[in-house]
Amino acid sequence: MADIASWAGALDPWQIWLLAALLILIIDLAILGGLMSGGGGITLVLAGGALGAMVAAAFGAELAGQLSAGVVGMILAGALAFWVGRRWAGRPQQGPPDDPRVRDEILHLEPYNGGLGVRVLGDAYPARPEDPHQTLQEGDAVRIQRFQGITAVVRPAGDDPGTHSSHTNEGNPA
């Protein structure tokens, strides 16, 4: 144990901060499964703070300067985690739903909580037209364009080519 204490005491401050950053990332990999997984980027932010403090220590800053640089490192790592998280999550899909059970299906509007809705795979969702100037009526044949929250944004089915099915809502499998 004395060997570890003498070894740790011989380290420069920037080496201690580097070891802290590496230890945080190793714990993240071992326990949470990797960056941005279970921790939501918190470990990445902490490691960024340790790396910021390491840079300041490498340039000879005192403890207050190292801690300040650590805060800056955490802010930068937080921005990076936010940016990476948004890229990994992707953008909301703007096209038709990518579920093969729903894609290209023609549905019929039915009453839903005082308005109109569609039944998809046994579940009912409120519906609104894609074009705000368009009016929908009960029984209209529609195709889902996308979902905004739980609301199905629909457009009239019309005579679109590539229609795979033309059934009523009762024919949707539950």
Protein backbone atom coordinates (compact mmCIF):
# COMPACT_ATOMS: atom_id res chain seq x y z
CA MET A 1 0.00 0.00 0.00
CA ALA A 2 2.94 2.30 0.67
CA ASP A 3 4.08 1.78 -2.92
CA ILE A 4 0.77 3.09 -4.29
CA ALA A 5 0.90 6.12 -1.98
CA SER A 6 4.44 6.97 -3.00
CA TRP A 7 3.58 6.44 -6.66
CA ALA A 8 0.44 8.63 -6.43
CA GLY A 9 2.37 11.29 -4.51
CA ALA A 10 4.93 11.49 -7.28
CA LEU A 11 2.30 12.32 -9.93
CA ASP A 12 1.91 15.82 -11.28
CA PRO A 13 -1.56 17.38 -10.93
CA TRP A 14 -2.28 17.04 -14.65
CA GLN A 15 -1.57 13.31 -14.41
CA ILE A 16 -3.99 12.97 -11.51
CA TRP A 17 -6.71 14.74 -13.54
CA LEU A 18 -5.98 12.49 -16.53
CA LEU A 19 -6.28 9.41 -14.34
CA ALA A 20 -9.57 10.77 -12.94
CA ALA A 21 -10.96 11.25 -16.47
CA LEU A 22 -9.89 7.77 -17.53
CA LEU A 23 -11.31 6.24 -14.36
CA ILE A 24 -14.67 7.98 -14.96
CA LEU A 25 -14.80 6.68 -18.54
CA ILE A 26 -13.81 3.14 -17.48
CA ILE A 27 -16.54 3.13 -14.84
CA ASP A 28 -18.98 4.36 -17.49
CA LEU A 29 -18.02 1.52 -19.80
CA ALA A 30 -18.08 -1.11 -17.07
CA ILE A 31 -21.29 -0.11 -15.33
CA LEU A 32 -23.38 1.87 -17.81
CA GLY A 33 -22.27 0.23 -21.05
CA GLY A 34 -20.57 3.19 -22.71
CA LEU A 35 -20.88 6.86 -23.44
CA MET A 36 -24.40 8.22 -23.68
CA SER A 37 -26.01 4.94 -22.64
CA GLY A 38 -27.46 4.64 -19.14
CA GLY A 39 -25.87 7.81 -17.78
CA GLY A 40 -27.32 10.07 -20.45
CA GLY A 41 -23.98 11.77 -20.95
CA ILE A 42 -23.35 12.64 -17.30
CA THR A 43 -20.15 10.61 -17.19
CA LEU A 44 -19.02 12.25 -20.42
CA VAL A 45 -19.56 15.65 -18.79
CA LEU A 46 -17.62 14.63 -15.68
CA ALA A 47 -14.76 13.27 -17.77
CA GLY A 48 -14.76 16.51 -19.78
CA GLY A 49 -14.43 18.45 -16.55
CA ALA A 50 -11.47 16.32 -15.49
CA LEU A 51 -9.85 16.85 -18.89
CA GLY A 52 -10.39 20.62 -18.64
CA ALA A 53 -8.76 20.63 -15.22
CA MET A 54 -5.93 18.51 -16.62
CA VAL A 55 -5.18 21.08 -19.32
CA ALA A 56 -5.09 23.87 -16.76
CA ALA A 57 -2.83 21.82 -14.46
CA ALA A 58 -0.50 21.05 -17.38
CA PHE A 59 -0.06 24.80 -17.88
CA GLY A 60 0.75 25.29 -14.19
CA ALA A 61 -2.57 26.69 -12.89
CA GLU A 62 -3.30 26.57 -9.18
CA LEU A 63 -6.21 24.54 -7.80
CA ALA A 64 -8.73 27.38 -8.32
CA GLY A 65 -7.70 27.68 -11.96
CA GLN A 66 -7.90 23.93 -12.40
CA LEU A 67 -11.41 23.85 -10.97
CA SER A 68 -12.47 26.78 -13.18
CA ALA A 69 -11.07 25.01 -16.23
CA GLY A 70 -12.91 21.89 -15.07
CA VAL A 71 -16.19 23.80 -15.14
CA VAL A 72 -15.43 25.05 -18.65
CA GLY A 73 -14.56 21.48 -19.66
CA MET A 74 -17.85 20.26 -18.25
CA ILE A 75 -19.79 22.91 -20.18
CA LEU A 76 -18.03 21.98 -23.41
CA ALA A 77 -18.50 18.26 -22.78
CA GLY A 78 -22.17 18.88 -21.97
CA ALA A 79 -22.64 20.68 -25.28
CA LEU A 80 -20.87 17.81 -27.03
CA ALA A 81 -23.05 15.23 -25.24
CA PHE A 82 -26.19 17.16 -26.21
CA TRP A 83 -25.06 17.43 -29.84
CA VAL A 84 -24.09 13.75 -30.06
CA GLY A 85 -27.29 12.67 -28.34
CA ARG A 86 -29.42 14.56 -30.85
CA ARG A 87 -27.48 13.06 -33.76
CA TRP A 88 -27.80 9.54 -32.41
CA ALA A 89 -31.50 9.96 -31.72
CA GLY A 90 -32.16 11.11 -35.28
CA ARG A 91 -34.84 13.41 -36.56
CA PRO A 92 -38.56 12.73 -36.36
CA GLN A 93 -39.72 10.84 -39.38
CA GLN A 94 -41.55 13.10 -41.83
CA GLY A 95 -42.74 10.40 -44.22
CA PRO A 96 -45.37 7.75 -43.72
CA PRO A 97 -44.98 5.46 -40.73
CA ASP A 98 -42.30 2.88 -41.41
CA ASP A 99 -44.28 0.03 -39.92
CA PRO A 100 -45.06 -2.39 -42.77
CA ARG A 101 -48.40 -3.15 -41.14
CA VAL A 102 -49.45 0.51 -41.49
CA ARG A 103 -47.45 1.77 -44.47
CA ASP A 104 -49.71 2.57 -47.44
CA GLU A 105 -52.84 1.57 -45.56
CA ILE A 106 -56.04 3.43 -46.28
CA LEU A 107 -58.00 4.10 -43.11
CA HIS A 108 -61.42 5.62 -42.56
CA LEU A 109 -62.13 8.43 -40.14
CA GLU A 110 -64.38 7.64 -37.22
CA PRO A 111 -65.67 9.58 -34.21
CA TYR A 112 -63.00 10.04 -31.51
CA ASN A 113 -63.56 12.01 -28.27
CA GLY A 114 -65.86 14.54 -29.87
CA GLY A 115 -63.68 14.86 -32.98
CA LEU A 116 -62.36 12.52 -35.63
CA GLY A 117 -59.75 9.82 -35.39
CA VAL A 118 -58.36 6.71 -36.99
CA ARG A 119 -57.92 3.21 -35.66
CA VAL A 120 -54.46 1.79 -36.28
CA LEU A 121 -53.69 -1.80 -35.33
CA GLY A 122 -56.53 -1.77 -32.84
CA ASP A 123 -55.64 1.54 -31.17
CA ALA A 124 -57.54 4.79 -31.76
CA TYR A 125 -55.72 8.08 -32.37
CA PRO A 126 -57.05 11.60 -32.91
CA ALA A 127 -56.58 12.79 -36.49
CA ARG A 128 -56.10 16.15 -38.12
CA PRO A 129 -55.63 17.03 -41.78
CA GLU A 130 -52.16 17.72 -43.15
CA ASP A 131 -53.55 20.78 -44.93
CA PRO A 132 -55.11 23.10 -42.30
CA HIS A 133 -57.58 24.44 -44.89
CA GLN A 134 -58.99 21.00 -45.54
CA THR A 135 -62.00 19.66 -43.67
CA LEU A 136 -62.38 16.06 -42.69
CA GLN A 137 -65.62 14.16 -42.30
CA GLU A 138 -66.51 10.87 -40.70
CA GLY A 139 -65.94 7.98 -43.10
CA ASP A 140 -63.37 9.80 -45.28
CA ALA A 141 -60.65 7.51 -46.61
CA VAL A 142 -57.26 8.82 -45.42
CA ARG A 143 -53.62 7.84 -45.31
CA ILE A 144 -51.39 8.63 -42.30
CA GLN A 145 -48.50 10.94 -43.17
CA ARG A 146 -46.89 11.15 -39.74
CA PHE A 147 -47.65 11.41 -36.05
CA GLN A 148 -47.30 14.59 -34.00
CA GLY A 149 -47.46 13.35 -30.45
CA ILE A 150 -50.43 11.00 -30.48
CA THR A 151 -52.24 12.85 -33.27
CA ALA A 152 -52.22 11.23 -36.69
CA VAL A 153 -51.63 13.80 -39.42
CA VAL A 154 -53.59 12.49 -42.40
CA ARG A 155 -54.32 13.33 -46.01
CA PRO A 156 -57.12 12.03 -48.22
CA ALA A 157 -56.28 8.67 -49.76
CA GLY A 158 -57.56 9.68 -53.21
CA ASP A 159 -56.37 7.61 -56.12
CA ASP A 160 -52.76 7.30 -54.98
CA PRO A 161 -50.79 4.64 -56.82
CA GLY A 162 -49.18 1.95 -54.76
CA THR A 163 -52.16 1.32 -52.50
CA HIS A 164 -51.76 -2.07 -50.87
CA SER A 165 -55.00 -2.17 -48.96
CA SER A 166 -58.36 -0.48 -48.96
CA HIS A 167 -60.23 -1.66 -45.92
CA THR A 168 -62.17 -0.11 -43.10
CA ASN A 169 -60.83 0.34 -39.60
CA GLU A 170 -62.59 -2.81 -38.48
CA GLY A 171 -60.27 -4.82 -40.73
CA ASN A 172 -57.14 -3.61 -38.90
CA PRO A 173 -55.57 -6.43 -36.93
CA ALA A 174 -55.55 -5.85 -33.21
